[in-house]
């Protein structure tokens, strides 16, 4: 990967957008597991909220670890030279 910190930050942004979309959907349509708890598709809102939260958490961690790694490795060794 050329810029893993950037990939991590983009994952955070995508996760925030997924969570935002689901929150807007809950505000407009309602929380479907409360309306029809026996329908499997009703639980997609919960699934996507969890996926978005995982993307934010793992993306943030990846970005942070990549940034710390850049500070530790001298520049002449970072490119594999």
C-alpha atoms as a PDB file:
ATOM      1  CA  UNK A   1       0.000   0.000   0.000  1.00  0.00           C
ATOM      2  CA  UNK A   2       1.281   3.405  -0.861  1.00  0.00           C
ATOM      3  CA  UNK A   3      -0.558   5.395   1.804  1.00  0.00           C
ATOM      4  CA  UNK A   4      -2.165   3.141   4.435  1.00  0.00           C
ATOM      5  CA  UNK A   5      -2.975   6.126   6.668  1.00  0.00           C
ATOM      6  CA  UNK A   6      -5.052   7.602   3.841  1.00  0.00           C
ATOM      7  CA  UNK A   7      -6.849   4.290   3.325  1.00  0.00           C
ATOM      8  CA  UNK A   8      -7.643   4.222   7.027  1.00  0.00           C
ATOM      9  CA  UNK A   9      -9.030   7.741   6.977  1.00  0.00           C
ATOM     10  CA  UNK A  10     -11.138   6.994   3.902  1.00  0.00           C
ATOM     11  CA  UNK A  11     -12.515   3.952   5.706  1.00  0.00           C
ATOM     12  CA  UNK A  12     -13.479   6.197   8.617  1.00  0.00           C
ATOM     13  CA  UNK A  13     -15.266   8.592   6.253  1.00  0.00           C
ATOM     14  CA  UNK A  14     -17.124   5.742   4.525  1.00  0.00           C
ATOM     15  CA  UNK A  15     -18.148   4.261   7.889  1.00  0.00           C
ATOM     16  CA  UNK A  16     -19.454   7.622   9.092  1.00  0.00           C
ATOM     17  CA  UNK A  17     -21.504   7.969   5.896  1.00  0.00           C
ATOM     18  CA  UNK A  18     -22.973   4.474   6.334  1.00  0.00           C
ATOM     19  CA  UNK A  19     -23.940   5.243   9.933  1.00  0.00           C
ATOM     20  CA  UNK A  20     -25.368   8.620   8.898  1.00  0.00           C
ATOM     21  CA  UNK A  21     -27.434   7.046   6.136  1.00  0.00           C
ATOM     22  CA  UNK A  22     -28.825   4.427   8.497  1.00  0.00           C
ATOM     23  CA  UNK A  23     -29.705   7.049  11.121  1.00  0.00           C
ATOM     24  CA  UNK A  24     -31.561   9.087   8.510  1.00  0.00           C
ATOM     25  CA  UNK A  25     -33.346   5.936   7.347  1.00  0.00           C
ATOM     26  CA  UNK A  26     -34.369   5.168  10.939  1.00  0.00           C
ATOM     27  CA  UNK A  27     -35.650   8.735  11.348  1.00  0.00           C
ATOM     28  CA  UNK A  28     -37.703   8.551   8.126  1.00  0.00           C
ATOM     29  CA  UNK A  29     -38.863   4.918   7.951  1.00  0.00           C
ATOM     30  CA  UNK A  30     -38.563   3.902  11.581  1.00  0.00           C
ATOM     31  CA  UNK A  31     -36.550   1.260  13.348  1.00  0.00           C
ATOM     32  CA  UNK A  32     -37.639  -1.819  11.432  1.00  0.00           C
ATOM     33  CA  UNK A  33     -36.594  -4.463  14.010  1.00  0.00           C
ATOM     34  CA  UNK A  34     -39.075  -2.848  16.417  1.00  0.00           C
ATOM     35  CA  UNK A  35     -41.835  -2.920  13.773  1.00  0.00           C
ATOM     36  CA  UNK A  36     -41.307  -6.444  12.382  1.00  0.00           C
ATOM     37  CA  UNK A  37     -38.796  -8.315  14.547  1.00  0.00           C
ATOM     38  CA  UNK A  38     -39.420 -11.679  12.869  1.00  0.00           C
ATOM     39  CA  UNK A  39     -38.538 -10.498   9.345  1.00  0.00           C
ATOM     40  CA  UNK A  40     -34.839 -11.142   8.610  1.00  0.00           C
ATOM     41  CA  UNK A  41     -34.535  -8.097   6.322  1.00  0.00           C
ATOM     42  CA  UNK A  42     -35.661  -5.881   9.206  1.00  0.00           C
ATOM     43  CA  UNK A  43     -32.313  -6.492  10.887  1.00  0.00           C
ATOM     44  CA  UNK A  44     -30.324  -4.992   7.999  1.00  0.00           C
ATOM     45  CA  UNK A  45     -30.385  -1.597   9.709  1.00  0.00           C
ATOM     46  CA  UNK A  46     -28.663  -3.063  12.756  1.00  0.00           C
ATOM     47  CA  UNK A  47     -26.218  -4.968  10.555  1.00  0.00           C
ATOM     48  CA  UNK A  48     -25.211  -1.841   8.624  1.00  0.00           C
ATOM     49  CA  UNK A  49     -24.863   0.212  11.806  1.00  0.00           C
ATOM     50  CA  UNK A  50     -22.456  -2.426  13.129  1.00  0.00           C
ATOM     51  CA  UNK A  51     -20.556  -2.569   9.812  1.00  0.00           C
ATOM     52  CA  UNK A  52     -20.241   1.236   9.790  1.00  0.00           C
ATOM     53  CA  UNK A  53     -19.000   1.272  13.382  1.00  0.00           C
ATOM     54  CA  UNK A  54     -16.440  -1.437  12.605  1.00  0.00           C
ATOM     55  CA  UNK A  55     -15.234   0.508   9.564  1.00  0.00           C
ATOM     56  CA  UNK A  56     -14.781   3.630  11.670  1.00  0.00           C
ATOM     57  CA  UNK A  57     -12.966   1.805  14.455  1.00  0.00           C
ATOM     58  CA  UNK A  58     -10.694  -0.318  12.289  1.00  0.00           C
ATOM     59  CA  UNK A  59     -10.002   2.522   9.854  1.00  0.00           C
ATOM     60  CA  UNK A  60      -9.034   4.835  12.697  1.00  0.00           C
ATOM     61  CA  UNK A  61      -6.747   2.176  14.147  1.00  0.00           C
ATOM     62  CA  UNK A  62      -5.124   1.499  10.777  1.00  0.00           C
ATOM     63  CA  UNK A  63      -4.568   5.190  10.172  1.00  0.00           C
ATOM     64  CA  UNK A  64      -3.056   5.683  13.629  1.00  0.00           C
ATOM     65  CA  UNK A  65      -0.752   2.663  13.367  1.00  0.00           C
ATOM     66  CA  UNK A  66       0.391   3.716   9.878  1.00  0.00           C
ATOM     67  CA  UNK A  67       1.172   7.230  11.100  1.00  0.00           C
ATOM     68  CA  UNK A  68       3.170   5.905  14.064  1.00  0.00           C
ATOM     69  CA  UNK A  69       5.046   3.550  11.729  1.00  0.00           C
ATOM     70  CA  UNK A  70       5.996   6.433   9.459  1.00  0.00           C
ATOM     71  CA  UNK A  71       7.521   8.307  12.362  1.00  0.00           C
ATOM     72  CA  UNK A  72       9.577   5.329  13.532  1.00  0.00           C
ATOM     73  CA  UNK A  73      11.075   4.244  10.206  1.00  0.00           C
ATOM     74  CA  UNK A  74      13.807   6.488   8.805  1.00  0.00           C
ATOM     75  CA  UNK A  75      12.896   7.808   5.374  1.00  0.00           C
ATOM     76  CA  UNK A  76      15.805   6.098   3.615  1.00  0.00           C
ATOM     77  CA  UNK A  77      14.489   2.681   4.737  1.00  0.00           C
ATOM     78  CA  UNK A  78      10.800   3.370   4.207  1.00  0.00           C
ATOM     79  CA  UNK A  79      10.969   2.871   0.432  1.00  0.00           C
ATOM     80  CA  UNK A  80      12.890  -0.414   0.744  1.00  0.00           C
ATOM     81  CA  UNK A  81      16.151   1.090  -0.507  1.00  0.00           C
END
